[in-house]
């Protein structure tokens, strides 16, 4: 999954400063036990509840559309 960011946006209400956190993982694991742990780790941070907690401390949560894409990408790991 990749993001395309528009750093020069002039859209009203858009905040030009951002921080993107990312995780890089292999799409196919050699060890099934490790892929299970990796998926659990990624799902925990992408979960709606965790996104709400981030918002509580001043971070913008992932938009619902992005949360769906992240969940789909995580589920596709094998």
Protein backbone atom coordinates (compact mmCIF):
# COMPACT_ATOMS: atom_id res chain seq x y z
CA UNK A 1 0.00 0.00 0.00
CA UNK A 2 1.42 3.41 -0.91
CA UNK A 3 0.40 6.95 -0.15
CA UNK A 4 0.54 9.92 -2.49
CA UNK A 5 0.84 13.12 -0.49
CA UNK A 6 0.21 16.62 -1.81
CA UNK A 7 2.52 18.83 0.22
CA UNK A 8 1.56 21.93 -1.81
CA UNK A 9 -2.20 21.70 -1.31
CA UNK A 10 -4.11 24.96 -1.12
CA UNK A 11 -7.35 23.24 -0.10
CA UNK A 12 -9.25 25.21 2.53
CA UNK A 13 -9.00 23.61 5.98
CA UNK A 14 -6.11 21.34 5.00
CA UNK A 15 -3.25 21.24 7.47
CA UNK A 16 0.08 21.16 5.60
CA UNK A 17 2.16 19.49 8.33
CA UNK A 18 1.95 15.73 8.64
CA UNK A 19 3.69 12.73 10.04
CA UNK A 20 3.32 9.37 8.41
CA UNK A 21 4.13 6.25 10.39
CA UNK A 22 4.69 3.12 8.39
CA UNK A 23 5.61 -0.51 8.80
CA UNK A 24 7.39 -2.55 6.16
CA UNK A 25 6.68 -6.28 6.18
CA UNK A 26 7.04 -9.11 3.69
CA UNK A 27 3.84 -10.15 1.99
CA UNK A 28 4.76 -13.84 2.36
CA UNK A 29 6.42 -15.13 5.51
CA UNK A 30 8.61 -18.19 5.84
CA UNK A 31 7.26 -18.93 9.32
CA UNK A 32 3.44 -19.14 9.70
CA UNK A 33 3.68 -18.39 13.43
CA UNK A 34 5.49 -15.14 12.72
CA UNK A 35 2.97 -14.01 10.13
CA UNK A 36 0.23 -14.55 12.71
CA UNK A 37 2.09 -12.33 15.20
CA UNK A 38 2.85 -9.73 12.54
CA UNK A 39 -0.79 -9.51 11.52
CA UNK A 40 -1.89 -9.18 15.15
CA UNK A 41 0.65 -6.38 15.73
CA UNK A 42 -0.40 -4.46 12.63
CA UNK A 43 -4.12 -4.91 13.31
CA UNK A 44 -3.73 -3.62 16.86
CA UNK A 45 -2.36 -0.28 15.70
CA UNK A 46 -4.72 0.07 12.76
CA UNK A 47 -7.82 -0.67 14.86
CA UNK A 48 -10.47 2.02 15.16
CA UNK A 49 -10.06 2.11 18.95
CA UNK A 50 -6.35 2.85 18.66
CA UNK A 51 -7.05 5.50 16.05
CA UNK A 52 -9.41 7.19 18.52
CA UNK A 53 -6.68 7.13 21.19
CA UNK A 54 -4.31 8.84 18.76
CA UNK A 55 -6.88 11.54 18.14
CA UNK A 56 -7.18 12.04 21.91
CA UNK A 57 -3.48 12.99 22.05
CA UNK A 58 -3.55 15.35 19.07
CA UNK A 59 -2.90 13.09 16.09
CA UNK A 60 -5.22 12.73 13.12
CA UNK A 61 -6.69 9.23 12.85
CA UNK A 62 -6.61 7.30 9.62
CA UNK A 63 -9.62 8.13 7.46
CA UNK A 64 -12.14 5.26 7.30
CA UNK A 65 -11.26 4.61 3.65
CA UNK A 66 -7.58 4.21 4.52
CA UNK A 67 -8.40 2.02 7.55
CA UNK A 68 -10.29 -0.31 5.19
CA UNK A 69 -7.34 -0.47 2.77
CA UNK A 70 -4.90 -1.12 5.62
CA UNK A 71 -7.10 -3.93 6.97
CA UNK A 72 -7.30 -5.49 3.51
CA UNK A 73 -3.51 -5.30 3.12
CA UNK A 74 -2.96 -6.88 6.52
CA UNK A 75 -5.42 -9.69 5.79
CA UNK A 76 -3.59 -10.43 2.53
CA UNK A 77 -0.34 -11.25 4.34
CA UNK A 78 0.46 -14.94 4.33
